[in-house]
Amino acid sequence: MLIGVDEDTVSSTVPTRLLAETEFYDSHKAEWLRIHRNEFVVAKGTELLGFFTNFRDAYYAGVEKYGMNTDFLVKRVVEQEPVFVVF
């Protein structure tokens, strides 16, 4: 039980936004870790835009290619995903 959270209103469905991009990332992660570890990947659907050394360059490349009004993935290629805890 979470304090202050109405569990009846919390969705248990898998989010579909960026699902294709996340699956694309997951399917290439092992390969990318060998070549692009700690770089930022940009993808839309199964289209790979490229790898960048910092988030800013990756994000702006995605905006330039895909625009501001569409979803695209910018994700750091790391072996262990960070876990954020908010209190």
N, C-alpha and C. Protein backbone atom coordinates (compact mmCIF):
# COMPACT_ATOMS: atom_id res chain seq x y z
N MET A 1 0.84 -1.18 0.00
CA MET A 1 0.00 0.00 0.00
C MET A 1 0.89 1.24 0.00
N LEU A 2 0.54 2.17 -0.84
CA LEU A 2 1.26 3.43 -0.90
C LEU A 2 0.44 4.52 -0.24
N ILE A 3 1.06 5.26 0.63
CA ILE A 3 0.36 6.33 1.33
C ILE A 3 0.03 7.44 0.33
N GLY A 4 -1.22 7.85 0.32
CA GLY A 4 -1.65 8.93 -0.55
C GLY A 4 -1.90 8.53 -1.99
N VAL A 5 -1.89 7.22 -2.28
CA VAL A 5 -2.14 6.76 -3.65
C VAL A 5 -3.38 5.89 -3.65
N ASP A 6 -4.33 6.24 -4.48
CA ASP A 6 -5.54 5.44 -4.64
C ASP A 6 -5.21 4.32 -5.62
N GLU A 7 -5.01 3.11 -5.11
CA GLU A 7 -4.58 2.00 -5.95
C GLU A 7 -5.60 1.62 -7.01
N ASP A 8 -6.86 2.00 -6.82
CA ASP A 8 -7.88 1.71 -7.83
C ASP A 8 -7.71 2.57 -9.08
N THR A 9 -7.00 3.68 -8.96
CA THR A 9 -6.83 4.57 -10.11
C THR A 9 -5.47 4.41 -10.78
N VAL A 10 -4.61 3.56 -10.23
CA VAL A 10 -3.29 3.34 -10.81
C VAL A 10 -3.41 2.27 -11.89
N SER A 11 -2.95 2.59 -13.08
CA SER A 11 -3.06 1.67 -14.21
C SER A 11 -2.03 0.56 -14.11
N SER A 12 -2.45 -0.65 -14.43
CA SER A 12 -1.51 -1.77 -14.46
C SER A 12 -1.16 -2.16 -15.89
N THR A 13 -1.65 -1.40 -16.87
CA THR A 13 -1.34 -1.70 -18.26
C THR A 13 0.05 -1.18 -18.61
N VAL A 14 0.66 -1.87 -19.53
CA VAL A 14 2.00 -1.48 -19.98
C VAL A 14 1.87 -0.21 -20.84
N PRO A 15 2.64 0.83 -20.54
CA PRO A 15 2.56 2.04 -21.35
C PRO A 15 3.03 1.76 -22.78
N THR A 16 2.37 2.37 -23.75
CA THR A 16 2.72 2.11 -25.14
C THR A 16 3.57 3.21 -25.76
N ARG A 17 3.63 4.38 -25.12
CA ARG A 17 4.49 5.43 -25.66
C ARG A 17 5.94 4.96 -25.59
N LEU A 18 6.62 5.09 -26.66
CA LEU A 18 8.03 4.71 -26.79
C LEU A 18 8.27 3.20 -26.64
N LEU A 19 7.22 2.40 -26.76
CA LEU A 19 7.37 0.95 -26.63
C LEU A 19 8.26 0.40 -27.75
N ALA A 20 8.02 0.82 -28.99
CA ALA A 20 8.83 0.34 -30.11
C ALA A 20 10.29 0.73 -29.93
N GLU A 21 10.52 1.97 -29.48
CA GLU A 21 11.88 2.45 -29.28
C GLU A 21 12.58 1.70 -28.15
N THR A 22 11.85 1.43 -27.08
CA THR A 22 12.42 0.70 -25.94
C THR A 22 12.76 -0.73 -26.34
N GLU A 23 11.88 -1.37 -27.09
CA GLU A 23 12.16 -2.73 -27.56
C GLU A 23 13.36 -2.74 -28.51
N PHE A 24 13.45 -1.73 -29.36
CA PHE A 24 14.59 -1.59 -30.28
C PHE A 24 15.89 -1.44 -29.49
N TYR A 25 15.87 -0.58 -28.47
CA TYR A 25 17.03 -0.39 -27.60
C TYR A 25 17.42 -1.71 -26.94
N ASP A 26 16.44 -2.37 -26.33
CA ASP A 26 16.71 -3.63 -25.62
C ASP A 26 17.30 -4.69 -26.54
N SER A 27 16.82 -4.74 -27.79
CA SER A 27 17.31 -5.78 -28.71
C SER A 27 18.74 -5.52 -29.19
N HIS A 28 19.21 -4.28 -29.08
CA HIS A 28 20.57 -3.94 -29.53
C HIS A 28 21.52 -3.59 -28.38
N LYS A 29 21.01 -3.62 -27.17
CA LYS A 29 21.78 -3.15 -26.02
C LYS A 29 23.14 -3.85 -25.87
N ALA A 30 23.18 -5.16 -25.97
CA ALA A 30 24.44 -5.89 -25.79
C ALA A 30 25.48 -5.45 -26.82
N GLU A 31 25.05 -5.32 -28.06
CA GLU A 31 25.95 -4.87 -29.13
C GLU A 31 26.43 -3.44 -28.87
N TRP A 32 25.50 -2.57 -28.52
CA TRP A 32 25.84 -1.16 -28.30
C TRP A 32 26.73 -0.97 -27.09
N LEU A 33 26.59 -1.82 -26.08
CA LEU A 33 27.45 -1.71 -24.90
C LEU A 33 28.92 -1.91 -25.27
N ARG A 34 29.17 -2.79 -26.23
CA ARG A 34 30.56 -3.05 -26.64
C ARG A 34 31.17 -1.86 -27.38
N ILE A 35 30.34 -1.12 -28.12
CA ILE A 35 30.87 -0.08 -29.00
C ILE A 35 30.56 1.34 -28.52
N HIS A 36 29.41 1.52 -27.87
CA HIS A 36 28.92 2.86 -27.54
C HIS A 36 28.59 3.05 -26.06
N ARG A 37 29.26 2.32 -25.19
CA ARG A 37 28.99 2.41 -23.75
C ARG A 37 29.07 3.87 -23.27
N ASN A 38 28.07 4.26 -22.49
CA ASN A 38 27.94 5.60 -21.89
C ASN A 38 27.64 6.71 -22.89
N GLU A 39 27.42 6.38 -24.15
CA GLU A 39 26.98 7.37 -25.11
C GLU A 39 25.45 7.43 -25.09
N PHE A 40 24.88 8.45 -25.70
CA PHE A 40 23.43 8.61 -25.78
C PHE A 40 22.96 8.20 -27.17
N VAL A 41 22.00 7.30 -27.22
CA VAL A 41 21.43 6.84 -28.48
C VAL A 41 20.13 7.59 -28.73
N VAL A 42 19.87 7.88 -30.00
CA VAL A 42 18.60 8.50 -30.40
C VAL A 42 17.94 7.57 -31.40
N ALA A 43 16.67 7.23 -31.12
CA ALA A 43 15.93 6.34 -32.01
C ALA A 43 14.47 6.76 -32.07
N LYS A 44 13.86 6.48 -33.23
CA LYS A 44 12.42 6.66 -33.41
C LYS A 44 11.93 5.40 -34.08
N GLY A 45 11.02 4.70 -33.41
CA GLY A 45 10.60 3.39 -33.91
C GLY A 45 11.82 2.48 -33.93
N THR A 46 12.09 1.90 -35.09
CA THR A 46 13.30 1.08 -35.23
C THR A 46 14.36 1.80 -36.06
N GLU A 47 14.21 3.11 -36.19
CA GLU A 47 15.20 3.91 -36.91
C GLU A 47 16.22 4.47 -35.93
N LEU A 48 17.47 4.15 -36.16
CA LEU A 48 18.57 4.66 -35.34
C LEU A 48 19.09 5.95 -35.95
N LEU A 49 19.00 7.04 -35.20
CA LEU A 49 19.54 8.31 -35.68
C LEU A 49 21.04 8.37 -35.46
N GLY A 50 21.50 7.92 -34.28
CA GLY A 50 22.93 7.94 -34.02
C GLY A 50 23.25 7.93 -32.54
N PHE A 51 24.54 8.06 -32.25
CA PHE A 51 25.06 8.07 -30.89
C PHE A 51 25.77 9.39 -30.65
N PHE A 52 25.66 9.88 -29.42
CA PHE A 52 26.18 11.20 -29.08
C PHE A 52 26.86 11.13 -27.72
N THR A 53 27.84 12.00 -27.49
CA THR A 53 28.59 11.96 -26.24
C THR A 53 27.87 12.63 -25.08
N ASN A 54 26.86 13.46 -25.39
CA ASN A 54 26.11 14.10 -24.30
C ASN A 54 24.63 14.20 -24.65
N PHE A 55 23.81 14.35 -23.62
CA PHE A 55 22.36 14.39 -23.79
C PHE A 55 21.93 15.56 -24.67
N ARG A 56 22.52 16.71 -24.45
CA ARG A 56 22.12 17.91 -25.19
C ARG A 56 22.25 17.71 -26.69
N ASP A 57 23.39 17.23 -27.13
CA ASP A 57 23.59 17.00 -28.57
C ASP A 57 22.63 15.95 -29.10
N ALA A 58 22.40 14.90 -28.33
CA ALA A 58 21.48 13.85 -28.74
C ALA A 58 20.06 14.39 -28.87
N TYR A 59 19.63 15.13 -27.87
CA TYR A 59 18.28 15.68 -27.88
C TYR A 59 18.08 16.63 -29.06
N TYR A 60 19.01 17.55 -29.26
CA TYR A 60 18.86 18.51 -30.35
C TYR A 60 18.92 17.85 -31.72
N ALA A 61 19.69 16.79 -31.86
CA ALA A 61 19.70 16.05 -33.12
C ALA A 61 18.34 15.40 -33.36
N GLY A 62 17.74 14.87 -32.29
CA GLY A 62 16.41 14.28 -32.42
C GLY A 62 15.36 15.31 -32.79
N VAL A 63 15.42 16.47 -32.17
CA VAL A 63 14.47 17.55 -32.48
C VAL A 63 14.66 18.01 -33.93
N GLU A 64 15.90 18.15 -34.36
CA GLU A 64 16.16 18.58 -35.73
C GLU A 64 15.61 17.58 -36.74
N LYS A 65 15.77 16.29 -36.45
CA LYS A 65 15.33 15.24 -37.39
C LYS A 65 13.83 14.99 -37.32
N TYR A 66 13.28 14.89 -36.10
CA TYR A 66 11.90 14.44 -35.92
C TYR A 66 10.93 15.55 -35.53
N GLY A 67 11.44 16.68 -35.06
CA GLY A 67 10.57 17.77 -34.65
C GLY A 67 10.24 17.72 -33.17
N MET A 68 9.59 18.79 -32.71
CA MET A 68 9.24 18.92 -31.28
C MET A 68 7.94 18.21 -30.91
N ASN A 69 7.11 17.90 -31.89
CA ASN A 69 5.77 17.39 -31.60
C ASN A 69 5.63 15.90 -31.82
N THR A 70 6.71 15.17 -31.70
CA THR A 70 6.66 13.72 -31.84
C THR A 70 7.58 13.08 -30.80
N ASP A 71 7.30 11.84 -30.48
CA ASP A 71 8.12 11.12 -29.51
C ASP A 71 9.33 10.51 -30.20
N PHE A 72 10.46 10.55 -29.53
CA PHE A 72 11.65 9.82 -29.93
C PHE A 72 12.43 9.52 -28.66
N LEU A 73 13.25 8.50 -28.70
CA LEU A 73 13.98 8.05 -27.52
C LEU A 73 15.39 8.63 -27.49
N VAL A 74 15.76 9.18 -26.36
CA VAL A 74 17.14 9.55 -26.07
C VAL A 74 17.50 8.80 -24.80
N LYS A 75 18.48 7.91 -24.89
CA LYS A 75 18.78 7.04 -23.75
C LYS A 75 20.28 6.78 -23.70
N ARG A 76 20.83 6.83 -22.50
CA ARG A 76 22.25 6.51 -22.32
C ARG A 76 22.42 4.99 -22.38
N VAL A 77 23.43 4.55 -23.10
CA VAL A 77 23.72 3.13 -23.22
C VAL A 77 24.55 2.71 -22.01
N VAL A 78 23.90 2.08 -21.05
CA VAL A 78 24.56 1.63 -19.83
C VAL A 78 24.13 0.20 -19.52
N GLU A 79 25.00 -0.52 -18.84
CA GLU A 79 24.69 -1.90 -18.50
C GLU A 79 23.60 -1.98 -17.45
N GLN A 80 23.73 -1.20 -16.39
CA GLN A 80 22.77 -1.22 -15.28
C GLN A 80 21.97 0.07 -15.31
N GLU A 81 20.66 -0.04 -15.46
CA GLU A 81 19.81 1.15 -15.48
C GLU A 81 19.78 1.79 -14.10
N PRO A 82 19.86 3.11 -14.03
CA PRO A 82 19.78 3.78 -12.72
C PRO A 82 18.39 3.64 -12.12
N VAL A 83 18.34 3.60 -10.81
CA VAL A 83 17.07 3.54 -10.09
C VAL A 83 16.97 4.82 -9.27
N PHE A 84 15.88 5.53 -9.45
CA PHE A 84 15.67 6.77 -8.73
C PHE A 84 14.60 6.55 -7.67
N VAL A 85 14.89 6.96 -6.46
CA VAL A 85 13.95 6.83 -5.35
C VAL A 85 13.59 8.23 -4.89
N VAL A 86 12.31 8.49 -4.81
CA VAL A 86 11.83 9.81 -4.38
C VAL A 86 11.10 9.63 -3.07
N PHE A 87 11.48 10.41 -2.07
CA PHE A 87 10.81 10.35 -0.77
C PHE A 87 9.97 11.57 -0.56
